[in-house]
């Protein structure tokens, strides 16, 4: 990829996946924001050069949604 720490594949609808993750993923609250992790059935992007099927989605202030691909190593850091 182009050196960005995390980026979706060009054909991926990131907003669609982030919404699905918030609705169906492993959700927890942190500092007033909701964070959700979800694994998809295909590679959705890269995190630090590692292809991944996982994303982290975040909802802040009850209305602002954003997220990014996250590799399994970073997911396991969150859930130990």
Protein backbone atom coordinates (compact mmCIF):
# COMPACT_ATOMS: atom_id res chain seq x y z
CA UNK A 1 0.00 0.00 0.00
CA UNK A 2 1.15 3.61 0.06
CA UNK A 3 2.68 3.82 3.55
CA UNK A 4 -0.48 4.75 5.49
CA UNK A 5 -0.73 2.85 8.78
CA UNK A 6 -4.25 1.56 7.97
CA UNK A 7 -6.22 1.79 4.80
CA UNK A 8 -9.18 0.08 3.16
CA UNK A 9 -8.94 -1.60 -0.22
CA UNK A 10 -10.17 0.73 -3.00
CA UNK A 11 -13.26 -1.40 -3.75
CA UNK A 12 -14.44 -1.37 -0.12
CA UNK A 13 -17.30 0.79 1.16
CA UNK A 14 -15.72 1.78 4.45
CA UNK A 15 -18.85 3.55 5.77
CA UNK A 16 -20.93 0.46 5.08
CA UNK A 17 -18.49 -1.82 6.89
CA UNK A 18 -18.15 0.56 9.81
CA UNK A 19 -21.92 0.63 10.26
CA UNK A 20 -22.11 -3.17 10.10
CA UNK A 21 -19.34 -3.41 12.70
CA UNK A 22 -21.14 -1.05 15.09
CA UNK A 23 -24.36 -3.04 14.71
CA UNK A 24 -22.85 -6.55 14.92
CA UNK A 25 -19.33 -6.41 16.33
CA UNK A 26 -17.73 -6.74 19.73
CA UNK A 27 -18.65 -3.36 21.22
CA UNK A 28 -17.31 -1.58 24.29
CA UNK A 29 -17.38 1.98 25.58
CA UNK A 30 -14.20 3.96 26.09
CA UNK A 31 -14.03 7.65 27.03
CA UNK A 32 -17.63 8.25 25.97
CA UNK A 33 -17.22 6.66 22.54
CA UNK A 34 -18.36 3.25 21.36
CA UNK A 35 -15.68 1.05 19.79
CA UNK A 36 -16.53 -2.07 17.83
CA UNK A 37 -14.38 -4.79 16.29
CA UNK A 38 -15.65 -7.17 13.62
CA UNK A 39 -14.06 -9.75 11.35
CA UNK A 40 -15.33 -10.01 7.78
CA UNK A 41 -15.14 -13.00 5.44
CA UNK A 42 -12.64 -11.37 3.09
CA UNK A 43 -9.67 -9.03 3.29
CA UNK A 44 -10.91 -5.44 3.65
CA UNK A 45 -7.62 -3.58 3.89
CA UNK A 46 -4.19 -3.30 5.45
CA UNK A 47 -2.92 -2.29 8.88
CA UNK A 48 0.80 -1.41 8.91
CA UNK A 49 1.29 -3.48 5.75
CA UNK A 50 -0.54 -6.55 7.08
CA UNK A 51 -3.61 -7.69 5.13
CA UNK A 52 -6.63 -8.01 7.43
CA UNK A 53 -10.29 -9.00 7.56
CA UNK A 54 -10.87 -7.03 10.81
CA UNK A 55 -11.99 -3.44 11.26
CA UNK A 56 -12.39 -1.16 14.23
CA UNK A 57 -15.33 1.20 14.07
CA UNK A 58 -15.98 4.05 16.47
CA UNK A 59 -19.05 6.14 17.20
CA UNK A 60 -18.43 9.41 19.03
CA UNK A 61 -20.96 11.94 20.29
CA UNK A 62 -23.69 9.56 19.19
CA UNK A 63 -23.34 10.64 15.58
CA UNK A 64 -19.78 10.69 14.21
CA UNK A 65 -18.71 7.32 12.83
CA UNK A 66 -15.25 6.42 11.63
CA UNK A 67 -12.97 3.42 11.59
CA UNK A 68 -10.12 1.61 9.92
CA UNK A 69 -8.77 -1.86 9.17
CA UNK A 70 -6.95 -3.42 12.10
CA UNK A 71 -4.72 -6.50 12.03
CA UNK A 72 -5.38 -9.47 14.30
CA UNK A 73 -2.34 -8.73 16.45
CA UNK A 74 -3.82 -5.35 17.39
CA UNK A 75 -7.26 -6.88 17.99
CA UNK A 76 -5.78 -9.36 20.46
CA UNK A 77 -4.04 -6.49 22.29
CA UNK A 78 -7.48 -5.00 22.97
CA UNK A 79 -9.19 -8.24 24.03
CA UNK A 80 -6.14 -9.99 25.46
